[in-house]
N, C-alpha and C. Protein backbone atom coordinates (compact mmCIF):
# COMPACT_ATOMS: atom_id res chain seq x y z
N MET A 1 3.89 26.76 9.69
CA MET A 1 3.31 26.26 9.54
C MET A 1 3.55 24.68 8.44
N THR A 2 2.98 23.59 9.17
CA THR A 2 3.11 22.47 8.03
C THR A 2 2.84 22.11 6.65
N ARG A 3 3.65 21.68 6.17
CA ARG A 3 2.97 21.17 4.73
C ARG A 3 1.30 20.56 4.72
N PRO A 4 1.10 20.99 3.89
CA PRO A 4 -0.39 19.53 4.36
C PRO A 4 -0.38 18.16 4.14
N PHE A 5 -0.68 17.22 3.99
CA PHE A 5 -0.94 15.87 3.69
C PHE A 5 -1.06 15.49 2.41
N LYS A 6 -0.68 14.73 1.65
CA LYS A 6 -1.12 14.39 0.51
C LYS A 6 -1.33 12.87 0.52
N TRP A 7 -2.37 12.52 0.83
CA TRP A 7 -3.18 11.33 0.39
C TRP A 7 -2.89 10.46 -0.52
N ARG A 8 -2.39 9.31 -0.53
CA ARG A 8 -2.15 8.26 -1.22
C ARG A 8 -2.86 7.40 -1.55
N ARG A 9 -2.93 7.64 -3.38
CA ARG A 9 -3.73 6.58 -3.89
C ARG A 9 -3.59 5.69 -4.53
N ILE A 10 -4.95 4.67 -4.10
CA ILE A 10 -4.51 2.91 -4.87
C ILE A 10 -5.20 2.64 -5.09
N SER A 11 -5.39 1.43 -6.12
CA SER A 11 -6.71 0.94 -7.06
C SER A 11 -6.96 -0.40 -6.64
N GLN A 12 -6.57 -0.56 -5.57
CA GLN A 12 -7.28 -1.70 -5.38
C GLN A 12 -7.68 -2.28 -3.97
N MET A 13 -8.08 -2.74 -4.14
CA MET A 13 -9.11 -2.94 -1.62
C MET A 13 -8.36 -4.44 -2.01
N PRO A 14 -7.76 -5.31 -0.85
CA PRO A 14 -8.01 -6.27 -0.90
C PRO A 14 -9.09 -6.98 -0.23
N ALA A 15 -9.30 -8.55 -1.21
CA ALA A 15 -10.49 -9.35 -1.01
C ALA A 15 -10.15 -9.85 0.65
N VAL A 16 -8.60 -10.64 1.38
CA VAL A 16 -8.30 -10.88 2.65
C VAL A 16 -7.50 -9.83 3.10
N LEU A 17 -8.26 -9.60 4.96
CA LEU A 17 -7.42 -8.82 5.10
C LEU A 17 -6.35 -9.37 6.80
N LYS A 18 -6.38 -10.39 6.75
CA LYS A 18 -5.54 -11.22 7.75
C LYS A 18 -4.97 -12.44 7.46
N PHE A 19 -3.88 -12.33 7.44
CA PHE A 19 -3.09 -13.26 7.15
C PHE A 19 -2.44 -14.02 8.51
N VAL A 20 -2.66 -14.99 9.18
CA VAL A 20 -2.65 -15.60 10.42
C VAL A 20 -1.12 -16.75 9.78
N PRO A 21 -0.18 -17.06 10.45
CA PRO A 21 0.84 -18.39 9.64
C PRO A 21 -0.38 -20.18 10.33
N THR A 22 0.67 -20.51 9.88
CA THR A 22 -0.33 -22.23 10.37
C THR A 22 -0.34 -22.61 11.77
N ASP A 23 0.74 -22.03 12.71
CA ASP A 23 1.74 -23.02 13.74
C ASP A 23 1.83 -21.13 14.76
N PRO A 24 1.02 -20.81 14.98
CA PRO A 24 1.72 -19.33 15.19
C PRO A 24 1.88 -19.21 16.80
N PRO A 25 3.10 -18.32 16.91
CA PRO A 25 3.71 -18.85 18.80
C PRO A 25 2.18 -18.20 19.32
N LYS A 26 2.50 -18.13 20.88
CA LYS A 26 1.43 -17.31 21.27
C LYS A 26 2.63 -15.80 21.78
N ASN A 27 1.56 -14.83 22.01
CA ASN A 27 1.00 -13.91 22.09
C ASN A 27 2.78 -13.02 20.88
N ASN A 28 3.06 -13.39 20.33
CA ASN A 28 4.28 -13.24 19.24
C ASN A 28 3.38 -12.05 18.14
N GLY A 29 2.52 -10.98 18.29
CA GLY A 29 2.35 -10.43 17.80
C GLY A 29 2.06 -10.54 16.35
N GLU A 30 1.31 -8.95 15.64
CA GLU A 30 1.38 -8.74 14.59
C GLU A 30 1.95 -7.57 13.80
N ASN A 31 1.92 -8.26 12.54
CA ASN A 31 2.04 -6.05 12.47
C ASN A 31 1.19 -6.07 11.57
N ILE A 32 0.72 -4.46 11.46
CA ILE A 32 -0.47 -3.99 10.93
C ILE A 32 0.27 -3.31 9.39
N LEU A 33 -0.46 -3.91 8.49
CA LEU A 33 0.48 -2.94 6.51
C LEU A 33 -0.42 -2.25 6.37
N LYS A 34 -0.06 -0.97 6.78
CA LYS A 34 -1.23 0.04 5.82
C LYS A 34 -1.60 -0.67 4.56
N LEU A 35 -2.45 0.35 3.81
CA LEU A 35 -3.22 -0.10 2.36
C LEU A 35 -2.56 0.26 1.44
N GLU A 36 -1.30 1.59 1.85
CA GLU A 36 -0.46 1.73 0.90
C GLU A 36 0.50 1.52 0.27
N GLU A 37 1.21 0.72 2.03
CA GLU A 37 1.88 -0.55 1.88
C GLU A 37 1.61 -1.72 0.52
N LEU A 38 -0.09 -1.83 0.97
CA LEU A 38 0.13 -2.74 0.10
C LEU A 38 0.20 -2.41 -0.85
N GLU A 39 -0.40 -1.79 -1.32
CA GLU A 39 -0.22 -1.11 -2.89
C GLU A 39 1.22 -1.05 -3.53
N ALA A 40 2.11 0.12 -2.56
CA ALA A 40 3.25 -0.31 -3.27
C ALA A 40 4.21 -1.87 -3.11
N ILE A 41 3.43 -2.51 -2.95
CA ILE A 41 3.82 -4.29 -2.96
C ILE A 41 3.30 -4.46 -4.11
N ARG A 42 2.50 -4.49 -4.32
CA ARG A 42 1.63 -5.17 -5.23
C ARG A 42 2.57 -4.14 -6.70
N LEU A 43 2.57 -2.73 -6.95
CA LEU A 43 2.77 -1.94 -8.31
C LEU A 43 4.26 -2.10 -8.34
N LYS A 44 4.69 -2.66 -7.07
CA LYS A 44 6.78 -2.54 -7.26
C LYS A 44 6.74 -4.18 -7.42
N ASP A 45 6.35 -5.33 -6.78
CA ASP A 45 7.00 -6.23 -7.12
C ASP A 45 5.79 -6.70 -7.79
N LEU A 46 4.37 -7.02 -7.55
CA LEU A 46 3.35 -7.97 -8.03
C LEU A 46 3.94 -7.79 -9.43
N GLN A 47 3.47 -6.14 -9.66
CA GLN A 47 3.61 -5.75 -11.32
C GLN A 47 4.87 -5.59 -12.09
N GLY A 48 5.59 -5.73 -11.14
CA GLY A 48 7.13 -4.79 -11.86
C GLY A 48 7.38 -3.75 -12.61
N LEU A 49 6.57 -2.65 -11.98
CA LEU A 49 7.09 -1.44 -12.38
C LEU A 49 8.13 -0.70 -11.92
N GLU A 50 8.55 0.50 -12.30
CA GLU A 50 10.00 1.41 -11.81
C GLU A 50 9.09 1.74 -10.70
N GLN A 51 10.23 2.39 -10.00
CA GLN A 51 9.36 3.37 -8.45
C GLN A 51 8.95 4.59 -9.83
N ALA A 52 9.26 5.26 -9.86
CA ALA A 52 8.59 6.37 -11.25
C ALA A 52 7.35 6.59 -10.82
N GLU A 53 7.39 4.86 -11.89
CA GLU A 53 5.99 4.75 -12.41
C GLU A 53 5.02 4.72 -11.21
N CYS A 54 5.09 3.90 -10.45
CA CYS A 54 4.61 3.89 -9.01
C CYS A 54 4.28 4.58 -8.37
N ALA A 55 5.00 5.69 -8.29
CA ALA A 55 4.78 6.80 -7.67
C ALA A 55 4.38 7.46 -8.21
N GLU A 56 4.26 7.69 -9.20
CA GLU A 56 3.19 8.26 -10.23
C GLU A 56 1.80 7.68 -10.37
N GLN A 57 1.20 6.65 -10.40
CA GLN A 57 0.35 5.13 -9.79
C GLN A 57 -0.60 6.38 -8.74
N MET A 58 0.54 6.53 -7.73
CA MET A 58 -0.20 6.57 -6.47
C MET A 58 -0.01 8.35 -5.68
N GLU A 59 0.26 8.80 -6.96
CA GLU A 59 0.35 10.57 -6.83
C GLU A 59 1.02 10.75 -5.56
N VAL A 60 2.57 10.34 -6.05
CA VAL A 60 3.35 10.40 -4.51
C VAL A 60 4.81 10.73 -4.44
N SER A 61 5.94 11.37 -4.30
CA SER A 61 7.18 11.80 -4.91
C SER A 61 7.85 10.46 -4.73
N ARG A 62 8.66 9.94 -5.16
CA ARG A 62 9.23 8.71 -5.48
C ARG A 62 10.35 8.24 -4.18
N LEU A 63 10.65 9.30 -2.87
CA LEU A 63 10.86 9.61 -2.34
C LEU A 63 9.76 8.57 -0.90
N THR A 64 9.13 9.18 -0.67
CA THR A 64 7.86 9.00 -0.45
C THR A 64 7.45 7.73 -0.45
N PHE A 65 7.10 7.02 -1.95
CA PHE A 65 6.84 6.14 -2.61
C PHE A 65 8.24 4.67 -1.69
N GLN A 66 9.57 5.10 -1.96
CA GLN A 66 10.61 4.32 -1.51
C GLN A 66 10.15 4.04 -0.12
N ARG A 67 9.52 5.05 0.49
CA ARG A 67 9.36 4.61 2.13
C ARG A 67 8.54 4.17 2.11
N ILE A 68 8.01 4.52 1.70
CA ILE A 68 6.51 3.32 1.89
C ILE A 68 7.03 2.34 1.93
N LEU A 69 7.48 1.82 0.52
CA LEU A 69 7.98 0.56 -0.04
C LEU A 69 9.05 -0.38 1.19
N LEU A 70 9.93 0.17 1.71
CA LEU A 70 10.89 -0.05 2.78
C LEU A 70 9.85 -0.71 4.17
N SER A 71 9.18 0.31 4.41
CA SER A 71 8.36 -0.29 5.49
C SER A 71 7.34 -1.16 5.01
N ALA A 72 6.42 -1.88 4.70
CA ALA A 72 5.74 -3.03 3.79
C ALA A 72 7.29 -3.64 3.74
N ARG A 73 8.29 -4.00 3.06
CA ARG A 73 8.86 -4.92 3.05
C ARG A 73 9.33 -5.74 4.02
N GLU A 74 9.94 -4.19 5.62
CA GLU A 74 10.17 -4.30 6.40
C GLU A 74 8.98 -4.64 7.47
N LYS A 75 8.15 -4.94 7.41
CA LYS A 75 7.06 -6.01 7.98
C LYS A 75 6.59 -7.14 7.50
N ILE A 76 7.35 -6.97 6.09
CA ILE A 76 6.57 -8.45 5.50
C ILE A 76 7.57 -8.90 6.11
N ALA A 77 8.68 -9.06 5.88
CA ALA A 77 10.43 -10.07 6.48
C ALA A 77 9.33 -10.34 7.98
N ASP A 78 9.69 -9.39 8.74
CA ASP A 78 9.71 -9.88 10.10
C ASP A 78 8.54 -10.74 9.98
N SER A 79 7.15 -10.70 9.63
CA SER A 79 5.84 -11.69 10.10
C SER A 79 6.62 -13.00 9.40
N LEU A 80 7.22 -13.22 8.25
CA LEU A 80 7.30 -14.36 8.05
C LEU A 80 9.11 -14.62 8.83
N VAL A 81 9.66 -14.35 9.14
CA VAL A 81 10.95 -14.84 9.77
C VAL A 81 10.31 -15.46 11.23
N ASN A 82 9.28 -14.12 12.02
CA ASN A 82 9.28 -14.22 13.26
C ASN A 82 8.14 -15.18 13.38
N ARG A 83 6.93 -15.22 12.61
CA ARG A 83 5.95 -16.34 12.83
C ARG A 83 4.76 -15.14 13.18
N LYS A 84 4.31 -14.20 12.41
CA LYS A 84 3.88 -13.04 13.40
C LYS A 84 2.48 -13.03 12.00
N SER A 85 1.15 -12.87 12.75
CA SER A 85 -0.07 -12.62 12.04
C SER A 85 0.29 -10.80 11.04
N ILE A 86 -0.03 -10.89 10.11
CA ILE A 86 -0.60 -9.65 9.21
C ILE A 86 -1.84 -9.36 8.72
N GLN A 87 -1.99 -8.40 9.48
CA GLN A 87 -2.92 -7.22 9.78
C GLN A 87 -3.10 -6.13 8.40
N ILE A 88 -3.95 -6.61 7.45
CA ILE A 88 -4.62 -4.96 6.32
C ILE A 88 -5.30 -3.90 6.78
N ASP A 89 -4.54 -3.09 7.25
CA ASP A 89 -5.75 -2.18 7.93
C ASP A 89 -5.19 -0.21 8.16
N GLY A 90 -6.25 0.32 7.77
CA GLY A 90 -6.01 2.08 7.68
C GLY A 90 -4.60 2.67 7.32
N GLY A 91 -3.72 3.19 6.92
CA GLY A 91 -3.72 4.04 6.21
C GLY A 91 -3.70 5.32 6.10
N HIS A 92 -3.08 6.58 4.88
CA HIS A 92 -3.80 7.82 4.27
C HIS A 92 -4.26 7.49 3.19
N PHE A 93 -5.35 6.58 2.87
CA PHE A 93 -4.91 7.26 1.65
C PHE A 93 -6.56 7.05 0.91
N THR A 94 -6.79 7.79 -0.64
CA THR A 94 -8.26 7.38 -1.62
C THR A 94 -7.63 6.57 -2.44
N ARG A 95 -9.15 6.32 -3.07
CA ARG A 95 -9.33 4.86 -3.85
C ARG A 95 -9.37 5.86 -5.20
N ASN A 96 -9.21 5.07 -5.86
CA ASN A 96 -8.93 4.95 -7.90
C ASN A 96 -10.21 4.95 -7.79
N ILE A 97 -10.78 5.55 -8.40
CA ILE A 97 -12.21 5.30 -8.82
C ILE A 97 -12.19 5.86 -10.20
N CYS A 98 -12.94 5.42 -10.82
CA CYS A 98 -12.92 5.27 -12.49
C CYS A 98 -12.91 7.03 -12.48
N PRO A 99 -12.63 7.58 -14.00
CA PRO A 99 -12.73 9.21 -14.09
C PRO A 99 -14.06 9.70 -14.41
N VAL A 100 -14.87 10.61 -14.26
CA VAL A 100 -15.98 11.22 -14.71
C VAL A 100 -15.10 12.03 -16.37
N ARG A 101 -16.23 11.97 -16.99
CA ARG A 101 -15.60 12.55 -18.71
C ARG A 101 -16.97 13.65 -18.35
N CYS A 102 -16.71 14.37 -19.05
CA CYS A 102 -17.52 15.96 -19.66
C CYS A 102 -17.38 15.31 -20.80
N LEU A 103 -18.94 15.63 -21.38
CA LEU A 103 -19.38 14.89 -22.29
C LEU A 103 -19.50 16.22 -23.71
N ASP A 104 -19.00 17.02 -22.85
CA ASP A 104 -18.93 18.40 -24.35
C ASP A 104 -17.24 17.85 -24.65
N CYS A 105 -16.50 18.06 -24.14
CA CYS A 105 -14.85 18.16 -24.84
C CYS A 105 -14.02 17.00 -23.70
N GLY A 106 -14.56 16.11 -23.29
CA GLY A 106 -13.87 15.01 -23.43
C GLY A 106 -12.99 15.06 -21.99
N ARG A 107 -13.18 15.68 -21.48
CA ARG A 107 -11.54 16.24 -19.76
C ARG A 107 -12.33 15.46 -18.94
N GLU A 108 -11.37 15.07 -18.16
CA GLU A 108 -11.62 13.88 -17.20
C GLU A 108 -12.07 15.33 -15.59
C-alpha cells in the first residue's frame, strides 16, 4: 500500500498566470510552473524564510520542500536562459484560508 498523498498548502493565488518573453523564438516551448512551486519560490526567495519555516508553512517535510524548490528554480532558469514562456498552472495544493475559531474555547 502506498503512502497517502500530502497536499501542499499555499497562501496566495497569483494575479498573473503566464509570462512570455518580449521576443520569444517560434516553437521554443514553455515551462509549466505548479502553484506549489511558485509558493516555494515566494516563501524562500522573496520572503527570505529558512527552509524549515517554509516547509512548515506549506505543511510538507523539509526534503519535499527542497525538491519543490529545486524543480521551480530549474524551470525558471530554463525559461530565462532559453527564452521560454512560463505558465503557472496545476499542482497538488490546498488554499490556506483564514482559520475558523470556536467562540467558546478559542480553538481553531
